[in-house]
Amino acid sequence: MKRLRERGVPFEIWSTYQHTDILDRAIEFLEAPSPSFVFARGVKGQPIEKALQMVPWLLTCFRSLRRNRKRLRQRLGENPLVIVHGDTVTTVFGALAAKFLKVPSAHIEAGLRSGNLLRPFPEEIDRRIVGMLATTHFAPNAKAVETLRGKDAVNTLRNTAVDGVLDTISDRPAPIEKPYGLVLLHRFEFMQQPGFIKQTLEALDRTTPVPLYILTDVYSGGPITNALKAIGSDKISTIPKLTYPDFVNAMANAELVVTDSGGAQQELGLIGTPTLLHRQVTESPDGIGANILLSKWDLATVEQFMRTYETFRVPLVRPEHLPSEIIIDALVKRGYVSPAPTES
C-alpha cells in the first residue's frame, strides 16, 4: 500500500475485520486510508478467537457481498483488480469475492505449499483454494513459482515482509529491557493442545539463559497464561502484542526468538536474530539453515537450540530488489497500474 501511494495509484481497502485489533494498528502504521467497505466487524465487533466463530462471521461476509454486489462493482471502476495477501480465511474470501464480482484478482505470497493439507491448518487449504481462484500469482521464491506452473506467476524473490522490515527497523532502543528472548506462539494447531503448550514452556523455562517475554493476544492469551500458571515459571512473562515498529525492533534486539509464525519467520530470516521455528513443517525456506532452526515439535530440539542459539546469529540482509517494487512493475506490465512519471 505504501508503494502504491508513493506511485500515486488510487486504491481502496475492503475489510472483513477477521482480526479487528491487528488491522487497525496496521492501517495506522502504514498511514493507509480507513476501509472503504466493511463486510463484517469480526464477531460482534470483536476479533475471532475460536474456530466456530468463523461460521457466523463468514455468513455475514457473504451476505454483505451479495447485498452490495452492484455497489462494489461500481466502486471498482474500469480496469479493476482485487489484491489479496497471505493464507488466511479472509484471503480466500477476497478471491471468492473477486470471482463473484467477475473481476481479476492477484494473490501476494502465492505458491507456498507444505505438502500436507492439515499442516498447517487451515492455512494450507486456504493457499490451495486461492491458487485455483487468483488470476495473477506473486510468489516469493522460485519453488513457489514452479508450484504454480502454467499460471501467471511472478517471482518476487522474497515476501513483502522485506519491505516492512526495511521500512521499520531502526537504531532506537529496544521496547523491552535487554537482554531478553522473544516468544510468539499462536497458531491454531498449537493452541489446540494445552498439554503440549505446557511441555514447550517447561522446556523453555529449563534452558533459557535470558528472561523470556511471550507476546499474547485475545486468542493465545488464555492457553499461554494457563500453562504458565501450571509450571510456575519466574523466567517467562507475558506482554501484550506490540505495534509493528516495536515488534520489528524487539525481534532485532532480542537474544533469541521462538515462534510458530510464518510471517515472523520471513522477517527474522532477513533480520538474522537466532530463531527457533516451533512448527512441524514450514512451507517457506526463509532463514532455514542460517539463523532459523525448525523444531518439528521435538522438545529435545527446543532445548538444544536454547543452549546453542548464539551459533545461529547472522547479519541483517538488505536485498537489491524489493518485492513490492517487483509487484508494482508487474502490475504496470499487465496494465493495472500506470507507469511512474519520468522526470524531465
Protein backbone atom coordinates (compact mmCIF):
# COMPACT_ATOMS: atom_id res chain seq x y z
CA MET A 1 0.00 0.00 0.00
CA LYS A 2 2.86 2.38 0.77
CA ARG A 3 4.41 1.71 -2.65
CA LEU A 4 1.08 2.27 -4.41
CA ARG A 5 0.62 5.54 -2.56
CA GLU A 6 4.16 6.62 -3.47
CA ARG A 7 3.31 5.97 -7.14
CA GLY A 8 0.07 7.93 -6.85
CA VAL A 9 -2.03 4.84 -7.62
CA PRO A 10 -5.60 5.04 -6.23
CA PHE A 11 -6.76 2.05 -4.18
CA GLU A 12 -9.33 1.11 -1.57
CA ILE A 13 -9.20 -1.23 1.39
CA TRP A 14 -12.09 -3.66 1.77
CA SER A 15 -12.11 -5.43 5.11
CA THR A 16 -13.64 -8.43 6.85
CA TYR A 17 -12.08 -7.40 10.18
CA GLN A 18 -11.13 -11.01 10.87
CA HIS A 19 -8.65 -9.54 13.37
CA THR A 20 -10.14 -6.22 14.41
CA ASP A 21 -7.29 -5.00 16.62
CA ILE A 22 -4.46 -6.03 14.28
CA LEU A 23 -5.98 -4.38 11.22
CA ASP A 24 -6.48 -1.02 12.89
CA ARG A 25 -2.86 -0.99 14.07
CA ALA A 26 -1.61 -1.98 10.61
CA ILE A 27 -3.59 0.78 8.92
CA GLU A 28 -2.21 3.31 11.39
CA PHE A 29 1.37 2.12 10.82
CA LEU A 30 1.02 2.23 7.03
CA GLU A 31 -0.72 5.60 7.16
CA ALA A 32 -3.29 3.98 4.88
CA PRO A 33 -6.89 5.09 4.40
CA SER A 34 -9.59 3.54 6.55
CA PRO A 35 -11.52 0.68 4.90
CA SER A 36 -13.88 1.94 2.20
CA PHE A 37 -16.09 -1.09 2.64
CA VAL A 38 -16.50 -3.42 5.62
CA PHE A 39 -18.07 -6.85 5.06
CA ALA A 40 -18.12 -7.70 8.77
CA ARG A 41 -16.58 -6.48 12.01
CA GLY A 42 -15.25 -9.72 13.41
CA VAL A 43 -17.88 -11.29 15.65
CA LYS A 44 -19.99 -8.59 17.28
CA GLY A 45 -17.10 -6.17 16.85
CA GLN A 46 -14.55 -8.46 18.50
CA PRO A 47 -11.63 -10.45 16.99
CA ILE A 48 -12.33 -14.09 16.14
CA GLU A 49 -10.97 -16.22 18.99
CA LYS A 50 -12.46 -19.67 18.27
CA ALA A 51 -12.82 -21.75 15.13
CA LEU A 52 -16.61 -21.98 15.47
CA GLN A 53 -16.88 -18.19 15.36
CA MET A 54 -15.72 -18.39 11.73
CA VAL A 55 -19.14 -19.66 10.66
CA PRO A 56 -21.35 -16.65 11.59
CA TRP A 57 -18.57 -14.26 10.58
CA LEU A 58 -18.24 -15.81 7.10
CA LEU A 59 -22.01 -15.87 6.65
CA THR A 60 -22.10 -12.15 7.45
CA CYS A 61 -19.32 -11.51 4.91
CA PHE A 62 -21.08 -13.42 2.12
CA ARG A 63 -24.46 -11.81 2.85
CA SER A 64 -22.83 -8.40 2.69
CA LEU A 65 -21.11 -9.29 -0.58
CA ARG A 66 -24.37 -10.46 -2.14
CA ARG A 67 -26.40 -7.45 -0.95
CA ASN A 68 -23.82 -4.93 -2.14
CA ARG A 69 -22.76 -6.60 -5.37
CA LYS A 70 -23.75 -3.74 -7.68
CA ARG A 71 -22.31 -1.08 -5.39
CA LEU A 72 -19.00 -2.89 -5.04
CA ARG A 73 -18.66 -3.47 -8.77
CA GLN A 74 -19.21 0.24 -9.38
CA ARG A 75 -16.55 1.13 -6.80
CA LEU A 76 -14.01 -0.95 -8.68
CA GLY A 77 -14.35 1.22 -11.77
CA GLU A 78 -12.52 0.49 -15.01
CA ASN A 79 -9.65 -1.99 -15.28
CA PRO A 80 -10.22 -3.33 -11.74
CA LEU A 81 -8.08 -5.71 -9.72
CA VAL A 82 -8.68 -7.26 -6.30
CA ILE A 83 -5.42 -7.95 -4.42
CA VAL A 84 -5.35 -10.49 -1.59
CA HIS A 85 -2.41 -11.41 0.61
CA GLY A 86 -1.30 -14.42 2.62
CA ASP A 87 -3.12 -17.57 3.65
CA THR A 88 -5.99 -16.60 5.94
CA VAL A 89 -9.69 -17.28 5.51
CA THR A 90 -10.02 -13.61 4.56
CA THR A 91 -7.61 -14.29 1.67
CA VAL A 92 -9.97 -16.98 0.40
CA PHE A 93 -13.00 -14.73 0.84
CA GLY A 94 -11.30 -11.94 -1.10
CA ALA A 95 -10.51 -14.23 -4.02
CA LEU A 96 -14.07 -15.59 -3.99
CA ALA A 97 -15.44 -12.03 -3.87
CA ALA A 98 -13.43 -11.17 -6.99
CA LYS A 99 -14.94 -14.18 -8.78
CA PHE A 100 -18.43 -13.19 -7.64
CA LEU A 101 -17.88 -9.64 -8.92
CA LYS A 102 -16.38 -11.05 -12.16
CA VAL A 103 -13.09 -9.19 -11.86
CA PRO A 104 -9.48 -10.46 -11.84
CA SER A 105 -7.56 -10.99 -8.62
CA ALA A 106 -3.90 -11.12 -7.63
CA HIS A 107 -2.51 -13.18 -4.76
CA ILE A 108 0.59 -11.99 -2.90
CA GLU A 109 2.59 -14.73 -1.12
CA ALA A 110 1.34 -17.32 -3.62
CA GLY A 111 2.53 -20.83 -4.34
CA LEU A 112 3.73 -21.81 -0.87
CA ARG A 113 2.91 -25.43 -0.03
CA SER A 114 3.71 -27.68 2.92
CA GLY A 115 2.55 -30.81 1.11
CA ASN A 116 0.12 -31.70 3.90
CA LEU A 117 -3.46 -30.36 3.84
CA LEU A 118 -3.69 -30.40 7.64
CA ARG A 119 -0.27 -28.89 8.44
CA PRO A 120 -0.63 -26.00 8.86
CA PHE A 121 -4.42 -25.96 9.19
CA PRO A 122 -6.32 -24.17 7.76
CA GLU A 123 -3.57 -22.20 6.02
CA GLU A 124 -2.54 -24.95 3.59
CA ILE A 125 -6.13 -25.38 2.42
CA ASP A 126 -6.53 -21.61 2.11
CA ARG A 127 -3.45 -21.40 -0.13
CA ARG A 128 -4.63 -24.13 -2.45
CA ILE A 129 -8.09 -22.63 -2.84
CA VAL A 130 -6.69 -19.18 -3.64
CA GLY A 131 -4.23 -20.80 -6.03
CA MET A 132 -7.21 -22.01 -8.06
CA LEU A 133 -9.08 -18.70 -7.91
CA ALA A 134 -6.49 -15.97 -8.47
CA THR A 135 -5.65 -14.55 -11.90
CA THR A 136 -2.08 -13.44 -11.14
CA HIS A 137 0.18 -15.00 -8.53
CA PHE A 138 3.06 -13.21 -6.81
CA ALA A 139 5.29 -15.98 -5.46
CA PRO A 140 8.16 -15.31 -3.01
CA ASN A 141 10.67 -17.77 -4.47
CA ALA A 142 11.44 -20.00 -7.46
CA LYS A 143 10.00 -23.13 -5.82
CA ALA A 144 6.66 -21.38 -5.29
CA VAL A 145 6.68 -20.26 -8.94
CA GLU A 146 7.27 -23.87 -10.01
CA THR A 147 4.28 -24.94 -7.91
CA LEU A 148 2.18 -22.52 -9.96
CA ARG A 149 3.43 -23.85 -13.29
CA GLY A 150 1.02 -22.99 -16.10
CA LYS A 151 -0.38 -19.94 -14.26
CA ASP A 152 0.50 -16.26 -14.50
CA ALA A 153 3.15 -16.33 -11.75
CA VAL A 154 5.76 -13.70 -10.88
CA ASN A 155 8.80 -14.38 -8.68
CA THR A 156 9.08 -11.55 -6.13
CA LEU A 157 12.28 -13.19 -4.73
CA ARG A 158 11.09 -12.70 -1.15
CA ASN A 159 7.93 -11.91 0.76
CA THR A 160 6.72 -8.32 1.11
CA ALA A 161 7.69 -8.64 4.78
CA VAL A 162 11.09 -7.49 3.48
CA ASP A 163 9.66 -4.05 2.68
CA GLY A 164 8.01 -3.82 6.08
CA VAL A 165 11.20 -4.70 7.95
CA LEU A 166 13.47 -2.38 5.96
CA ASP A 167 10.98 0.49 6.25
CA THR A 168 10.73 -0.03 10.01
CA ILE A 169 13.99 -1.29 11.51
CA SER A 170 15.92 1.42 13.32
CA ASP A 171 18.65 2.06 15.86
CA ARG A 172 16.22 3.27 18.51
CA PRO A 173 16.24 1.47 21.88
CA ALA A 174 14.52 -1.91 22.17
CA PRO A 175 10.99 -1.75 23.64
CA ILE A 176 12.00 -4.38 26.23
CA GLU A 177 14.91 -4.19 28.68
CA LYS A 178 17.88 -6.18 27.35
CA PRO A 179 18.92 -8.96 27.42
CA TYR A 180 15.75 -10.88 26.63
CA GLY A 181 14.23 -13.55 24.43
CA LEU A 182 11.01 -13.05 22.49
CA VAL A 183 8.32 -15.74 22.12
CA LEU A 184 5.38 -15.64 19.72
CA LEU A 185 3.32 -18.85 19.64
CA HIS A 186 -0.22 -18.54 18.34
CA ARG A 187 -1.02 -20.99 15.54
CA PHE A 188 -4.31 -22.86 15.60
CA GLU A 189 -2.80 -26.36 15.70
CA PHE A 190 -0.53 -25.41 18.63
CA MET A 191 -3.19 -23.60 20.66
CA GLN A 192 -5.48 -26.63 20.50
CA GLN A 193 -3.02 -28.70 22.58
CA PRO A 194 -2.80 -27.39 26.16
CA GLY A 195 -0.61 -30.30 27.24
CA PHE A 196 1.95 -29.61 24.54
CA ILE A 197 1.87 -25.87 25.27
CA LYS A 198 2.81 -26.69 28.87
CA GLN A 199 5.59 -29.06 27.77
CA THR A 200 7.01 -26.45 25.40
CA LEU A 201 7.06 -23.73 28.05
CA GLU A 202 8.64 -26.14 30.53
CA ALA A 203 11.42 -26.87 28.04
CA LEU A 204 12.00 -23.15 27.51
CA ASP A 205 11.94 -22.49 31.25
CA ARG A 206 14.55 -25.21 31.91
CA THR A 207 17.04 -23.97 29.34
CA THR A 208 16.64 -20.23 28.74
CA PRO A 209 19.71 -18.13 29.56
CA VAL A 210 17.70 -14.87 29.49
CA PRO A 211 14.24 -13.69 30.58
CA LEU A 212 11.58 -14.65 28.02
CA TYR A 213 8.63 -12.47 27.05
CA ILE A 214 5.66 -14.08 25.31
CA LEU A 215 3.56 -11.82 23.09
CA THR A 216 -0.11 -12.68 23.56
CA ASP A 217 -3.43 -11.60 22.10
CA VAL A 218 -7.09 -12.41 22.73
CA TYR A 219 -6.65 -15.79 21.03
CA SER A 220 -3.39 -17.04 22.56
CA GLY A 221 -3.54 -15.28 25.93
CA GLY A 222 -5.75 -17.80 27.74
CA PRO A 223 -3.91 -21.03 26.83
CA ILE A 224 -0.48 -19.45 27.38
CA THR A 225 -1.42 -17.93 30.75
CA ASN A 226 -2.92 -21.22 31.96
CA ALA A 227 0.25 -23.11 31.04
CA LEU A 228 2.47 -20.56 32.79
CA LYS A 229 0.38 -20.80 35.96
CA ALA A 230 0.74 -24.58 35.86
CA ILE A 231 4.55 -24.51 35.64
CA GLY A 232 5.07 -21.53 37.96
CA SER A 233 7.92 -20.01 35.96
CA ASP A 234 9.77 -16.91 37.15
CA LYS A 235 11.74 -16.69 33.88
CA ILE A 236 8.82 -16.31 31.47
CA SER A 237 6.35 -13.40 31.37
CA THR A 238 3.56 -12.37 29.02
CA ILE A 239 3.22 -8.96 27.38
CA PRO A 240 0.55 -7.63 25.00
CA LYS A 241 1.28 -7.65 21.28
CA LEU A 242 3.42 -4.73 20.18
CA THR A 243 2.90 -2.22 17.41
CA TYR A 244 4.61 -3.36 14.21
CA PRO A 245 7.59 -0.95 14.52
CA ASP A 246 8.15 -2.03 18.13
CA PHE A 247 7.72 -5.70 17.15
CA VAL A 248 10.39 -5.46 14.43
CA ASN A 249 12.71 -3.62 16.81
CA ALA A 250 12.06 -6.20 19.54
CA MET A 251 12.97 -9.06 17.17
CA ALA A 252 16.11 -7.25 16.02
CA ASN A 253 17.32 -6.60 19.59
CA ALA A 254 16.40 -9.98 21.10
CA GLU A 255 19.00 -12.55 22.07
CA LEU A 256 16.75 -15.17 20.52
CA VAL A 257 13.22 -15.67 19.19
CA VAL A 258 10.89 -18.67 19.48
CA THR A 259 7.90 -18.53 17.16
CA ASP A 260 5.46 -20.53 15.06
CA SER A 261 4.57 -17.57 12.86
CA GLY A 262 5.21 -17.86 9.14
CA GLY A 263 5.25 -14.08 8.79
CA ALA A 264 7.77 -13.70 11.61
CA GLN A 265 9.90 -16.42 10.01
CA GLN A 266 10.18 -14.35 6.84
CA GLU A 267 11.00 -11.20 8.80
CA LEU A 268 13.55 -12.94 11.01
CA GLY A 269 15.20 -14.60 8.02
CA LEU A 270 16.04 -11.05 6.97
CA ILE A 271 16.89 -9.65 10.42
CA GLY A 272 19.23 -12.51 11.38
CA THR A 273 18.28 -13.00 15.05
CA PRO A 274 18.72 -16.64 16.21
CA THR A 275 15.26 -18.19 15.85
CA LEU A 276 13.56 -21.45 16.74
CA LEU A 277 10.62 -22.05 14.41
CA HIS A 278 8.35 -24.18 16.59
CA ARG A 279 6.36 -25.95 13.90
CA GLN A 280 6.20 -29.45 12.45
CA VAL A 281 6.72 -28.24 8.89
CA THR A 282 7.26 -24.96 7.10
CA GLU A 283 6.39 -24.05 3.54
CA SER A 284 8.92 -21.22 3.49
CA PRO A 285 12.71 -21.57 3.12
CA ASP A 286 13.41 -18.15 4.67
CA GLY A 287 16.26 -18.39 7.18
CA ILE A 288 16.24 -22.21 7.35
CA GLY A 289 19.83 -23.46 7.54
CA ALA A 290 21.06 -19.99 8.50
CA ASN A 291 19.62 -18.26 11.58
CA ILE A 292 16.42 -20.33 11.84
CA LEU A 293 16.07 -23.89 13.15
CA LEU A 294 12.84 -25.86 12.60
CA SER A 295 11.88 -27.73 15.78
CA LYS A 296 9.47 -30.21 14.14
CA TRP A 297 7.78 -30.06 17.55
CA ASP A 298 10.65 -32.05 19.06
CA LEU A 299 11.30 -30.86 22.61
CA ALA A 300 14.91 -32.09 22.55
CA THR A 301 15.49 -29.78 19.58
CA VAL A 302 13.89 -26.93 21.55
CA GLU A 303 16.33 -27.44 24.43
CA GLN A 304 19.32 -27.87 22.10
CA PHE A 305 18.52 -24.57 20.37
CA MET A 306 18.20 -22.70 23.66
CA ARG A 307 21.66 -23.92 24.70
CA THR A 308 23.37 -23.15 21.37
CA TYR A 309 21.31 -20.24 19.99
CA GLU A 310 24.27 -17.88 19.59
CA THR A 311 25.70 -20.07 16.80
CA PHE A 312 22.65 -19.19 14.67
CA ARG A 313 23.19 -15.41 14.58
CA VAL A 314 23.71 -13.87 11.11
CA PRO A 315 23.87 -10.26 9.82
CA LEU A 316 20.87 -8.29 8.54
CA VAL A 317 20.16 -8.93 4.84
CA ARG A 318 19.40 -5.99 2.53
CA PRO A 319 18.10 -7.37 -0.80
CA GLU A 320 18.87 -5.50 -4.00
CA HIS A 321 15.31 -5.88 -5.32
CA LEU A 322 12.29 -5.18 -3.10
CA PRO A 323 9.24 -7.46 -3.51
CA SER A 324 6.72 -4.61 -3.53
CA GLU A 325 8.56 -2.86 -6.36
CA ILE A 326 8.59 -6.11 -8.35
CA ILE A 327 4.84 -6.47 -7.79
CA ILE A 328 4.04 -2.94 -8.92
CA ASP A 329 6.26 -3.28 -12.00
CA ALA A 330 4.34 -6.47 -12.87
CA LEU A 331 1.01 -4.67 -12.40
CA VAL A 332 2.22 -1.91 -14.73
CA LYS A 333 3.19 -4.51 -17.33
CA ARG A 334 -0.28 -6.08 -17.10
CA GLY A 335 -2.00 -2.71 -17.45
CA TYR A 336 -3.49 -2.49 -13.96
CA VAL A 337 -1.24 0.39 -12.87
CA SER A 338 0.05 3.36 -14.87
CA PRO A 339 3.84 3.70 -15.14
CA ALA A 340 5.52 6.12 -12.75
CA PRO A 341 6.01 9.54 -14.39
CA THR A 342 9.52 10.13 -15.68
CA GLU A 343 11.46 13.16 -14.51
CA SER A 344 12.00 15.78 -17.19
